[in-house]
Amino acid sequence: MNGRAFSAGVLLLAAAFAATWLGLKPPAVRPASAPAGEFSAERAMARLRAVLGAAGDGVPHPAGSEANARVRERILLELRDIGLDPRVTESTTCGRYLACTPVANVVARVPGRGGGAPVLLSVHHDSAPAGPGAADDGSGVAIALEVGRALVADPAATDVILLIDDAEEPGLCGAEAFLSDPLSRQVGAIVNLEARGTEGPSLLFETVGPGDVVVRRFAESAPHPVGNSLLSTVYSLLPNDTDLTVLRRLGVPGANLAFVHGAVRYHTPRDDIAHLDSRTVQHQGANALGLVRGLAEPNLAGAKGQVVWFDLLGLGVVHFPEGAALPLGVAALLLSLAAAAMDVRRGRTSAGRIALGLLAVPLGAAAAAAMGFGAGRALGLDPIFRPWVATPGPLVLAFFLSGMAGAALPALLLGGRAGPAGLRDGIRVAFAALAVTLSVTWPGTSYLFLVPGLVGGAAGLASSLSGSERARRWADLATLLTGCLVLLPPAWLLYPALGHGAGALAAAAVALASLPLAPLAAGLSPRPRVWTTAVPALLAVAALAVALTVPVADVDSPERVIVYFHQDAATGRARILAHSDLGRLPEPVRAAAAFSASPRITFGWGELRPSFEAETAPLLVPGPEAEVLESTREGDAVRLRVRVRSPRGAPELQIAIPPAVRVRSLAFDGIRVPVPVSKLARWYGGWWVYRLPARPEGIAVEMEVTSPGPFEIVVADQSPGLPRAAAAVAAARPPWAVTQQEGDLTLFTRTLRIEATR
């Protein structure tokens, strides 16, 4: 009987894994013949091909480039084709990441059926300099065009504003510029679309304003809703931003939708149409259209507060007020304690055995996390520079099997002394206690243990009252099923979102979902109990062995090798710099120049991107010119005016301020740059790096800083592309290696020593 119950639990766990995978799969593509009021990815992809142009699939179009202007003109043609009257608003705008750039936002208004505040659908049309941006955010542009067409055919309750903004990649500059548009003051709700990969399900990962508004409308209107308040809570703790980070200052409800699978291609040349999954476009677009329609309905203003919520395998959404999380957690704890007390009273277990059972949760989670962490680190890859591998299946399987081994370990180590009853009561009480703890600390995550805690506590109490062994086993299976429903989806999403560095978390999540199997395993005889831990552990080792034999990178999931040319304008020293996300250079690249044996930190703001270095002949062109117009001191405060120019015609100028100097304010040509975001400095070794558009006549930079004595700043001019010697290095990249982010660059620097007068 014990063996059959355990086997049933294993089959239920396998079914839960399969159901979770199916629930996260994007839906089938709707054809171009779909009804006019529906979203069709086939129609959207046709618009995307038209926007990127015949040769545009492989051509980046960053803000300010000629390619960007061509893409924008095609967007205007597409908007007019669906019957809209778009306009372009131009400005020079500075974002929160110290970048200032020319911005050309495209705005179009789709008439609704009635009055009311319009809904804003926000996407961006610029790409990263290294990639064509078919997913990020060409998919958003295509979706906005198809949503606009559908809303022309079947209008929403209110007007919908399509914001296809510019210069998101340099620092959310297009969204900043829109805040100055009078139209922004009419907005009643926001839906923002992003992409951090090329495939996978569309996730509602952030809500702003009253969360109950967005979640309720998402639950009602999204045809295949996927997301949860865990994602929103975790995202709020990460140093990541989207246009919604800026647009939330409008003070209206907002939603962020994105997909993250295939992130190894993010901001690389592989972010192209060939790698963009049209099923993902269908999922993102259909949910966006549904959410826009839902938020356009009246009576948004009456809702208040935040909610705890999660989807059920993409079929629907469960949500409840955050304020209810703690009472529900307390209820789960009381039910679990009552069930435990009943078992003690009837002699099925003892308080000491339940105390041992409580240890099953930290023991199982910690053992699984240790195995998952070891599996991730066994690859020898940097978790920041190279989070993902080309063939992740064996590695992810190792994480999941580690979780199953961790879940079985308490039955092996504690089952003999705690017994099945002590384990099940201890696990339920621990789940309920975790639910109470999370309800107080991070309410958005509380559902992870509230759901199995409530179901397990109620089922456990019912089985304790009945006294039936069969009822107790059914209670274990009910706890297992509900734990899998809420814990397995995050486990599936952790690797696509964070890479191999999330191995510990993924394994721990699987272990916690699987822990209700431990009481069933504890009822087995000693030898089968050993195998419940040994089999998944051995399979995890085998899966990891396979993961270690497959290539880390391939043509579709490439190694990232960025090549720079750097020249010191004062000394004439010139170097070719090459950074690889694998920490070593491909042999053809290494053979193309006399590179250093190991990567080095090359100049002030490159600490988090150490590069291999090779000396090369300097270019006979001038570097940036900097003329100090004013340098006055009052105490520690220094007022500095500098005119900076790029004689070689680079499109970007940079002012780099060292960590010891505090910047109070900085402006160029009268345009004030926002106060720095503190988290930005860590990417530049503690330096503040201001990125400003160059002009033929130069720009006048005014700043006020604090420094107790003389100090140095660095001025630089930067341009895309490479001179001949460095270009030969870039050309030596094998097919499985590509550039990334800003692409291959030429950078000239000049150091200025500032000795201010009083």
Foldseek 3Di string as FASTA:
>chain_A
DLVVLLVVLVVLLVVLLVLLVLLFAFDDADDPPPDQLFFGLNQLVVLLDQLCDPPSLQAAFAPPDPSVVSSVVSLCVLCVVLPWDKDWDWDFFFAQQQETGIKIKIKTKQAAPDAAQAEEEEAERHAFQAASCCVFPSLSSSLLSSLSSSCNVPNFHGMYMYIHIHNFQVHLGRLVVVVPPPSLLRHAEYEYEGELAQDIAKEFQAKDFAAVLQQVLLQVFQQQYFYWLVSHLVVVVDPDDGNVVSSCVSVHIYIYIYGQFHNLCGFHHLSGPVRHDSSNSSNRSSSVSRSSSSSSDDDSVVGHAYWGKGQQSRRGMDIDGLVCLQVLLVVLLVLLVLLLVLCVVVPVFHPVLLVLLLVLLVQLLVQLLVQLQCLLCVLVFDLVLQQAFPDCVLSLLLLLLSLQLSLLVCLQVRLVPSPLSSNLSSLLNNLSVQLNVCSVPPSNLSQLSSQLSNQLSNQSNVCSVVVDPVSNSVSLSRSLNRNSSRLVSVLVCCCSRRHSNCSSVSSSSSNSSSNSSSSSLSPDPNVVSVCSNVVSNVSSVVSSVVVNPDGRFDLSSFWAKFWEWEAAQPPRWIKIWIFTSRQDDPPLLCVLAVWDPGFDQDDQFAPVTTTTIGTDGGDPAGWKDKDWPAWADDAQKIKTKIWIAGQVDFFKKKKKAAQQKAWPWKDKPPHTHDDHDQVSCVNGNNISMNIYTHDHVTIMMITMIGDRFKDKMKMKGKHPDDPDSRVSSQVSDPSRYTHGRNHYMYMYMYMDIGGHHD
